PDB file of N, CA and C in Angstrom:
ATOM      1  N   UNK A   1      78.649 152.117  36.732  1.00  0.00           N
ATOM      2  CA  UNK A   1      78.791 152.796  38.010  1.00  0.00           C
ATOM      3  C   UNK A   1      79.188 154.436  37.552  1.00  0.00           C
ATOM      4  N   UNK A   2      78.440 155.226  38.108  1.00  0.00           N
ATOM      5  CA  UNK A   2      78.993 156.642  38.154  1.00  0.00           C
ATOM      6  C   UNK A   2      80.535 156.725  38.989  1.00  0.00           C
ATOM      7  N   UNK A   3      81.019 158.134  38.267  1.00  0.00           N
ATOM      8  CA  UNK A   3      82.137 158.238  39.106  1.00  0.00           C
ATOM      9  C   UNK A   3      82.120 158.585  40.435  1.00  0.00           C
ATOM     10  N   UNK A   4      80.992 159.309  40.605  1.00  0.00           N
ATOM     11  CA  UNK A   4      80.719 159.615  42.155  1.00  0.00           C
ATOM     12  C   UNK A   4      80.490 158.118  43.104  1.00  0.00           C
ATOM     13  N   UNK A   5      79.650 157.271  42.440  1.00  0.00           N
ATOM     14  CA  UNK A   5      79.632 156.307  43.355  1.00  0.00           C
ATOM     15  C   UNK A   5      80.803 155.487  43.429  1.00  0.00           C
ATOM     16  N   UNK A   6      81.777 155.532  42.311  1.00  0.00           N
ATOM     17  CA  UNK A   6      82.999 155.009  42.509  1.00  0.00           C
ATOM     18  C   UNK A   6      83.831 155.352  43.254  1.00  0.00           C
ATOM     19  N   UNK A   7      83.898 156.697  43.700  1.00  0.00           N
ATOM     20  CA  UNK A   7      84.151 157.485  44.649  1.00  0.00           C
ATOM     21  C   UNK A   7      84.032 157.050  46.029  1.00  0.00           C
ATOM     22  N   UNK A   8      82.698 157.386  46.329  1.00  0.00           N
ATOM     23  CA  UNK A   8      82.003 156.942  47.426  1.00  0.00           C
ATOM     24  C   UNK A   8      82.286 155.264  47.754  1.00  0.00           C
ATOM     25  N   UNK A   9      82.408 154.609  46.900  1.00  0.00           N
ATOM     26  CA  UNK A   9      82.621 153.186  47.013  1.00  0.00           C
ATOM     27  C   UNK A   9      84.237 152.890  47.574  1.00  0.00           C
ATOM     28  N   UNK A  10      84.886 153.602  47.174  1.00  0.00           N
ATOM     29  CA  UNK A  10      86.397 153.614  47.557  1.00  0.00           C
ATOM     30  C   UNK A  10      86.493 154.274  48.945  1.00  0.00           C
ATOM     31  N   UNK A  11      86.180 155.485  49.172  1.00  0.00           N
ATOM     32  CA  UNK A  11      86.147 155.952  50.212  1.00  0.00           C
ATOM     33  C   UNK A  11      85.508 155.370  51.534  1.00  0.00           C
ATOM     34  N   UNK A  12      84.362 154.608  51.613  1.00  0.00           N
ATOM     35  CA  UNK A  12      83.779 153.647  52.535  1.00  0.00           C
ATOM     36  C   UNK A  12      84.728 152.282  52.749  1.00  0.00           C
ATOM     37  N   UNK A  13      85.118 151.830  51.665  1.00  0.00           N
ATOM     38  CA  UNK A  13      85.875 150.885  51.902  1.00  0.00           C
ATOM     39  C   UNK A  13      87.168 151.064  52.599  1.00  0.00           C
ATOM     40  N   UNK A  14      88.134 152.150  52.024  1.00  0.00           N
ATOM     41  CA  UNK A  14      89.436 152.573  52.617  1.00  0.00           C
ATOM     42  C   UNK A  14      89.203 153.007  54.345  1.00  0.00           C
ATOM     43  N   UNK A  15      88.022 153.661  54.430  1.00  0.00           N
ATOM     44  CA  UNK A  15      88.004 154.432  55.510  1.00  0.00           C
ATOM     45  C   UNK A  15      87.107 153.376  56.948  1.00  0.00           C
ATOM     46  N   UNK A  16      86.862 152.176  56.286  1.00  0.00           N
ATOM     47  CA  UNK A  16      86.103 151.408  57.045  1.00  0.00           C
ATOM     48  C   UNK A  16      87.247 150.490  58.167  1.00  0.00           C
ATOM     49  N   UNK A  17      87.411 151.014  59.105  1.00  0.00           N
ATOM     50  CA  UNK A  17      87.772 150.114  60.411  1.00  0.00           C
ATOM     51  C   UNK A  17      89.301 149.945  60.063  1.00  0.00           C
ATOM     52  N   UNK A  18      89.916 151.126  59.371  1.00  0.00           N
ATOM     53  CA  UNK A  18      91.374 150.799  59.595  1.00  0.00           C
ATOM     54  C   UNK A  18      92.383 151.766  60.459  1.00  0.00           C
ATOM     55  N   UNK A  19      93.442 151.363  60.769  1.00  0.00           N
ATOM     56  CA  UNK A  19      93.934 152.139  62.097  1.00  0.00           C
ATOM     57  C   UNK A  19      94.496 153.454  61.027  1.00  0.00           C
ATOM     58  N   UNK A  20      94.397 154.270  62.215  1.00  0.00           N
ATOM     59  CA  UNK A  20      94.644 155.996  61.880  1.00  0.00           C
ATOM     60  C   UNK A  20      95.998 156.190  62.435  1.00  0.00           C
ATOM     61  N   UNK A  21      97.024 156.572  61.449  1.00  0.00           N
ATOM     62  CA  UNK A  21      97.701 157.324  62.108  1.00  0.00           C
ATOM     63  C   UNK A  21      98.194 158.710  61.506  1.00  0.00           C
ATOM     64  N   UNK A  22      98.720 159.567  62.455  1.00  0.00           N
ATOM     65  CA  UNK A  22      99.062 160.755  61.785  1.00  0.00           C
ATOM     66  C   UNK A  22     100.633 161.195  61.946  1.00  0.00           C
ATOM     67  N   UNK A  23     101.732 161.389  60.862  1.00  0.00           N
ATOM     68  CA  UNK A  23     102.801 161.383  61.273  1.00  0.00           C
ATOM     69  C   UNK A  23     103.376 162.885  60.786  1.00  0.00           C
ATOM     70  N   UNK A  24     104.495 163.440  61.313  1.00  0.00           N
ATOM     71  CA  UNK A  24     105.086 164.384  60.846  1.00  0.00           C
ATOM     72  C   UNK A  24     105.370 164.736  59.268  1.00  0.00           C
ATOM     73  N   UNK A  25     104.907 165.620  58.782  1.00  0.00           N
ATOM     74  CA  UNK A  25     105.123 166.031  57.441  1.00  0.00           C
ATOM     75  C   UNK A  25     106.533 166.554  57.281  1.00  0.00           C
ATOM     76  N   UNK A  26     106.621 166.608  55.866  1.00  0.00           N
ATOM     77  CA  UNK A  26     107.992 167.137  55.365  1.00  0.00           C
ATOM     78  C   UNK A  26     108.030 168.890  55.373  1.00  0.00           C
ATOM     79  N   UNK A  27     106.627 169.494  55.334  1.00  0.00           N
ATOM     80  CA  UNK A  27     106.770 170.836  55.327  1.00  0.00           C
ATOM     81  C   UNK A  27     106.108 171.396  56.568  1.00  0.00           C
ATOM     82  N   UNK A  28     106.652 172.288  56.998  1.00  0.00           N
ATOM     83  CA  UNK A  28     105.815 173.034  58.302  1.00  0.00           C
ATOM     84  C   UNK A  28     104.423 173.298  58.373  1.00  0.00           C
ATOM     85  N   UNK A  29     103.726 173.107  59.262  1.00  0.00           N
ATOM     86  CA  UNK A  29     102.135 173.124  59.323  1.00  0.00           C
ATOM     87  C   UNK A  29     101.719 171.814  58.765  1.00  0.00           C
ATOM     88  N   UNK A  30     102.216 170.855  58.272  1.00  0.00           N
ATOM     89  CA  UNK A  30     101.481 169.725  57.387  1.00  0.00           C
ATOM     90  C   UNK A  30     101.965 168.399  58.068  1.00  0.00           C
ATOM     91  N   UNK A  31     101.097 167.783  58.104  1.00  0.00           N
ATOM     92  CA  UNK A  31     101.290 166.353  58.498  1.00  0.00           C
ATOM     93  C   UNK A  31     100.616 165.593  57.644  1.00  0.00           C
ATOM     94  N   UNK A  32     101.204 163.972  57.776  1.00  0.00           N
ATOM     95  CA  UNK A  32     100.910 162.763  56.553  1.00  0.00           C
ATOM     96  C   UNK A  32      99.846 161.941  57.651  1.00  0.00           C
ATOM     97  N   UNK A  33      98.834 161.868  56.624  1.00  0.00           N
ATOM     98  CA  UNK A  33      97.784 161.034  57.349  1.00  0.00           C
ATOM     99  C   UNK A  33      97.712 159.328  56.664  1.00  0.00           C
ATOM    100  N   UNK A  34      98.027 158.534  57.672  1.00  0.00           N
ATOM    101  CA  UNK A  34      98.071 157.193  56.884  1.00  0.00           C
ATOM    102  C   UNK A  34      96.922 156.355  57.545  1.00  0.00           C
ATOM    103  N   UNK A  35      96.628 155.273  56.768  1.00  0.00           N
ATOM    104  CA  UNK A  35      95.351 154.410  57.126  1.00  0.00           C
ATOM    105  C   UNK A  35      95.813 152.941  56.610  1.00  0.00           C
ATOM    106  N   UNK A  36      95.885 152.410  57.816  1.00  0.00           N
ATOM    107  CA  UNK A  36      95.925 150.830  57.485  1.00  0.00           C
ATOM    108  C   UNK A  36      97.445 150.946  57.301  1.00  0.00           C
ATOM    109  N   UNK A  37      98.529 151.591  57.347  1.00  0.00           N
ATOM    110  CA  UNK A  37      99.781 151.664  57.360  1.00  0.00           C
ATOM    111  C   UNK A  37     100.115 152.319  55.751  1.00  0.00           C
ATOM    112  N   UNK A  38      99.043 152.605  55.023  1.00  0.00           N
ATOM    113  CA  UNK A  38      99.430 153.342  53.772  1.00  0.00           C
ATOM    114  C   UNK A  38      99.026 154.530  53.772  1.00  0.00           C
ATOM    115  N   UNK A  39      99.828 155.419  53.182  1.00  0.00           N
ATOM    116  CA  UNK A  39      99.580 156.866  52.993  1.00  0.00           C
ATOM    117  C   UNK A  39      98.491 157.262  52.430  1.00  0.00           C
ATOM    118  N   UNK A  40      97.672 158.344  52.902  1.00  0.00           N
ATOM    119  CA  UNK A  40      95.939 158.686  52.570  1.00  0.00           C
ATOM    120  C   UNK A  40      95.755 159.808  52.216  1.00  0.00           C
ATOM    121  N   UNK A  41      96.723 160.897  52.742  1.00  0.00           N
ATOM    122  CA  UNK A  41      96.652 162.272  52.555  1.00  0.00           C
ATOM    123  C   UNK A  41      97.396 163.217  53.316  1.00  0.00           C
ATOM    124  N   UNK A  42      97.439 164.358  53.141  1.00  0.00           N
ATOM    125  CA  UNK A  42      98.168 165.311  53.759  1.00  0.00           C
ATOM    126  C   UNK A  42      97.167 166.226  54.623  1.00  0.00           C
ATOM    127  N   UNK A  43      97.476 166.726  55.760  1.00  0.00           N
ATOM    128  CA  UNK A  43      96.381 167.508  56.869  1.00  0.00           C
ATOM    129  C   UNK A  43      97.542 168.724  56.881  1.00  0.00           C
ATOM    130  N   UNK A  44      96.881 169.862  56.533  1.00  0.00           N
ATOM    131  CA  UNK A  44      97.342 171.253  56.473  1.00  0.00           C
ATOM    132  C   UNK A  44      96.550 172.172  57.647  1.00  0.00           C
ATOM    133  N   UNK A  45      97.686 172.695  58.376  1.00  0.00           N
ATOM    134  CA  UNK A  45      97.329 173.502  59.321  1.00  0.00           C
ATOM    135  C   UNK A  45      96.842 174.942  59.165  1.00  0.00           C
ATOM    136  N   UNK A  46      95.809 175.563  59.275  1.00  0.00           N
ATOM    137  CA  UNK A  46      95.558 176.942  58.697  1.00  0.00           C
ATOM    138  C   UNK A  46      95.065 177.776  59.758  1.00  0.00           C
ATOM    139  N   UNK A  47      95.059 179.202  59.670  1.00  0.00           N
ATOM    140  CA  UNK A  47      94.565 180.132  60.535  1.00  0.00           C
ATOM    141  C   UNK A  47      93.944 181.186  59.684  1.00  0.00           C
ATOM    142  N   UNK A  48      92.619 181.509  60.175  1.00  0.00           N
ATOM    143  CA  UNK A  48      91.927 182.013  59.259  1.00  0.00           C
ATOM    144  C   UNK A  48      91.183 182.945  60.360  1.00  0.00           C
ATOM    145  N   UNK A  49      91.505 184.393  60.383  1.00  0.00           N
ATOM    146  CA  UNK A  49      90.886 185.290  61.123  1.00  0.00           C
ATOM    147  C   UNK A  49      91.193 184.837  62.549  1.00  0.00           C
ATOM    148  N   UNK A  50      92.243 184.193  63.101  1.00  0.00           N
ATOM    149  CA  UNK A  50      92.719 184.057  64.269  1.00  0.00           C
ATOM    150  C   UNK A  50      92.401 182.741  64.748  1.00  0.00           C
ATOM    151  N   UNK A  51      91.597 182.072  63.865  1.00  0.00           N
ATOM    152  CA  UNK A  51      91.025 180.920  64.059  1.00  0.00           C
ATOM    153  C   UNK A  51      91.669 179.744  63.527  1.00  0.00           C
ATOM    154  N   UNK A  52      91.945 178.791  64.510  1.00  0.00           N
ATOM    155  CA  UNK A  52      92.857 177.387  63.974  1.00  0.00           C
ATOM    156  C   UNK A  52      92.097 176.326  63.229  1.00  0.00           C
ATOM    157  N   UNK A  53      92.288 176.098  61.781  1.00  0.00           N
ATOM    158  CA  UNK A  53      91.379 175.032  61.219  1.00  0.00           C
ATOM    159  C   UNK A  53      92.719 174.252  60.518  1.00  0.00           C
ATOM    160  N   UNK A  54      91.753 173.070  60.251  1.00  0.00           N
ATOM    161  CA  UNK A  54      92.593 172.080  59.344  1.00  0.00           C
ATOM    162  C   UNK A  54      92.337 171.574  58.020  1.00  0.00           C
ATOM    163  N   UNK A  55      92.963 171.309  57.252  1.00  0.00           N
ATOM    164  CA  UNK A  55      92.395 171.079  55.934  1.00  0.00           C
ATOM    165  C   UNK A  55      93.017 169.670  55.403  1.00  0.00           C
ATOM    166  N   UNK A  56      92.409 168.593  54.982  1.00  0.00           N
ATOM    167  CA  UNK A  56      92.690 167.574  54.440  1.00  0.00           C
ATOM    168  C   UNK A  56      92.854 167.185  52.898  1.00  0.00           C
ATOM    169  N   UNK A  57      93.639 166.871  52.620  1.00  0.00           N
ATOM    170  CA  UNK A  57      94.021 166.667  51.303  1.00  0.00           C
ATOM    171  C   UNK A  57      94.136 165.480  50.732  1.00  0.00           C
ATOM    172  N   UNK A  58      93.270 165.007  49.688  1.00  0.00           N
ATOM    173  CA  UNK A  58      93.391 163.491  49.628  1.00  0.00           C
ATOM    174  C   UNK A  58      93.412 163.374  47.839  1.00  0.00           C
ATOM    175  N   UNK A  59      94.270 162.607  47.682  1.00  0.00           N
ATOM    176  CA  UNK A  59      94.126 162.591  46.086  1.00  0.00           C
ATOM    177  C   UNK A  59      93.849 160.806  45.682  1.00  0.00           C
ATOM    178  N   UNK A  60      93.079 160.508  44.917  1.00  0.00           N
ATOM    179  CA  UNK A  60      92.433 159.622  44.630  1.00  0.00           C
ATOM    180  C   UNK A  60      92.898 159.118  43.204  1.00  0.00           C
ATOM    181  N   UNK A  61      93.585 158.030  42.808  1.00  0.00           N
ATOM    182  CA  UNK A  61      93.985 157.557  41.548  1.00  0.00           C
ATOM    183  C   UNK A  61      92.842 156.821  40.997  1.00  0.00           C
ATOM    184  N   UNK A  62      92.834 157.164  39.721  1.00  0.00           N
ATOM    185  CA  UNK A  62      91.548 156.669  38.903  1.00  0.00           C
ATOM    186  C   UNK A  62      91.836 155.095  39.034  1.00  0.00           C
ATOM    187  N   UNK A  63      93.150 154.461  38.930  1.00  0.00           N
ATOM    188  CA  UNK A  63      93.473 153.042  39.022  1.00  0.00           C
ATOM    189  C   UNK A  63      92.715 152.358  40.360  1.00  0.00           C
ATOM    190  N   UNK A  64      92.841 153.190  41.530  1.00  0.00           N
ATOM    191  CA  UNK A  64      92.202 152.998  42.814  1.00  0.00           C
ATOM    192  C   UNK A  64      90.560 152.386  42.619  1.00  0.00           C
ATOM    193  N   UNK A  65      89.802 153.179  41.508  1.00  0.00           N
ATOM    194  CA  UNK A  65      88.427 153.080  41.586  1.00  0.00           C
ATOM    195  C   UNK A  65      88.123 151.958  40.821  1.00  0.00           C
ATOM    196  N   UNK A  66      88.853 151.376  40.317  1.00  0.00           N
ATOM    197  CA  UNK A  66      88.302 150.192  39.404  1.00  0.00           C
ATOM    198  C   UNK A  66      88.509 148.568  40.298  1.00  0.00           C
TER     199      UNK A  66
END
């Protein structure tokens, strides 16, 4: 299986029907995203040209793809 398909499969599995919770992060303008009670990523608030946007940063460990 290609690495892209491994990542696709992992995301499809972890994102399917899991309870979503957003908690205050340690840094200003950052929140923590939890799926099914497990940490999944960090959401950053960003203002670009006066427009408010959000950026989701997710790290996927190689061990999780096996």
